[in-house]
Amino acid sequence: MTADEVRGLLGEPSVVVPGETGEGGARITGPRWQYGDNLSTIATAATFPRTVPDRVWVVWFDVDGRVMSRREPLWEAGSSVESAADVEGRSPIFSSPIPARNR
């Protein structure tokens, strides 16, 4: 698919990370489009453009502007503050401030 076809299906991306350019202006990688960003993931993309947040849909393009790869969010959370719990109910990102009772 081309970028125009992706835009027609998914709409405008919430973040566009431009591709990398090497010495002499040669394009090394194509752009990355992200969908479903929040303020935190937008700031991450701006500060660390090589970092891909787990909570967004991502489409990578090759240097010719065609879809090279895509990825759905790696896990879902109810909000930007909540995180998905593991089998035992613990959060993989935020630890509970309450000590465990079995100590």
Protein backbone atom coordinates (compact mmCIF):
# COMPACT_ATOMS: atom_id res chain seq x y z
CA MET A 1 0.00 0.00 0.00
CA THR A 2 1.04 3.58 -0.52
CA ALA A 3 0.89 6.35 2.07
CA ASP A 4 -2.19 7.79 0.33
CA GLU A 5 -3.98 4.43 0.55
CA VAL A 6 -3.15 4.13 4.27
CA ARG A 7 -4.37 7.69 4.86
CA GLY A 8 -7.61 6.84 3.02
CA LEU A 9 -8.21 3.80 5.25
CA LEU A 10 -6.96 5.04 8.63
CA GLY A 11 -7.05 8.82 8.34
CA GLU A 12 -4.33 11.20 9.43
CA PRO A 13 -1.73 9.73 11.79
CA SER A 14 -1.37 11.25 15.24
CA VAL A 15 2.43 11.24 14.90
CA VAL A 16 4.70 11.11 11.86
CA VAL A 17 8.35 10.27 12.51
CA PRO A 18 10.38 11.10 9.39
CA GLY A 19 12.73 8.53 7.91
CA GLU A 20 16.47 8.70 8.42
CA THR A 21 18.83 10.28 5.92
CA GLY A 22 22.46 9.27 5.55
CA GLU A 23 25.50 11.14 4.33
CA GLY A 24 24.99 12.86 1.03
CA GLY A 25 21.22 12.99 1.55
CA ALA A 26 20.54 9.33 0.72
CA ARG A 27 17.38 8.05 2.39
CA ILE A 28 18.12 5.12 4.69
CA THR A 29 14.64 4.43 6.09
CA GLY A 30 11.14 5.59 5.32
CA PRO A 31 8.80 7.35 7.75
CA ARG A 32 6.86 5.78 10.62
CA TRP A 33 3.23 6.72 11.22
CA GLN A 34 1.61 6.24 14.63
CA TYR A 35 -2.09 6.13 15.45
CA GLY A 36 -3.74 6.41 18.88
CA ASP A 37 -1.09 8.52 20.57
CA ASN A 38 -1.60 10.36 23.84
CA LEU A 39 0.44 13.27 25.19
CA SER A 40 3.05 10.92 26.64
CA THR A 41 3.63 8.94 23.44
CA ILE A 42 3.74 12.14 21.37
CA ALA A 43 6.45 13.51 23.67
CA THR A 44 8.35 10.22 23.45
CA ALA A 45 8.26 10.32 19.64
CA ALA A 46 9.53 13.91 19.62
CA THR A 47 12.31 13.29 22.15
CA PHE A 48 13.34 9.76 21.16
CA PRO A 49 12.31 9.23 17.52
CA ARG A 50 13.75 5.69 17.37
CA THR A 51 11.60 4.56 20.31
CA VAL A 52 8.25 3.05 19.34
CA PRO A 53 5.64 3.25 22.15
CA ASP A 54 3.85 -0.02 22.99
CA ARG A 55 0.39 1.56 23.22
CA VAL A 56 0.02 2.79 19.62
CA TRP A 57 -0.71 1.36 16.20
CA VAL A 58 2.32 1.77 13.95
CA VAL A 59 2.84 1.69 10.17
CA TRP A 60 6.40 1.69 8.78
CA PHE A 61 7.07 2.77 5.21
CA ASP A 62 10.05 1.94 3.04
CA VAL A 63 12.10 4.60 1.24
CA ASP A 64 9.70 4.40 -1.74
CA GLY A 65 6.67 5.28 0.41
CA ARG A 66 5.09 1.83 0.49
CA VAL A 67 4.03 -0.04 3.64
CA MET A 68 6.90 -2.18 4.85
CA SER A 69 5.38 -3.35 8.15
CA ARG A 70 2.65 -2.64 10.68
CA ARG A 71 2.03 -3.35 14.36
CA GLU A 72 -0.95 -3.22 16.68
CA PRO A 73 -0.52 -2.04 20.28
CA LEU A 74 1.41 -4.63 22.26
CA TRP A 75 -1.07 -4.47 25.15
CA GLU A 76 -4.15 -2.52 26.04
CA ALA A 77 -4.76 -0.32 29.07
CA GLY A 78 -7.95 1.42 30.16
CA SER A 79 -6.24 4.83 30.25
CA SER A 80 -2.80 6.33 29.97
CA VAL A 81 -2.40 5.96 33.75
CA GLU A 82 -3.58 2.37 34.10
CA SER A 83 -1.55 -0.57 32.89
CA ALA A 84 -2.48 -4.11 32.06
CA ALA A 85 -2.13 -6.48 35.00
CA ASP A 86 -0.35 -9.79 34.82
CA VAL A 87 -1.88 -13.10 35.93
CA GLU A 88 -1.35 -12.31 39.63
CA GLY A 89 -2.91 -8.85 39.30
CA ARG A 90 0.37 -6.95 39.44
CA SER A 91 1.06 -4.10 37.06
CA PRO A 92 4.09 -4.54 34.77
CA ILE A 93 4.79 -0.79 34.84
CA PHE A 94 3.51 0.67 38.09
CA SER A 95 4.20 -1.13 41.34
CA SER A 96 1.73 -0.89 44.17
CA PRO A 97 2.63 1.51 46.98
CA ILE A 98 1.07 -0.96 49.43
CA PRO A 99 3.50 -3.62 50.70
CA ALA A 100 2.56 -7.26 50.20
CA ARG A 101 0.79 -8.82 53.23
CA ASN A 102 2.69 -12.11 53.02
CA ARG A 103 5.98 -10.64 54.32
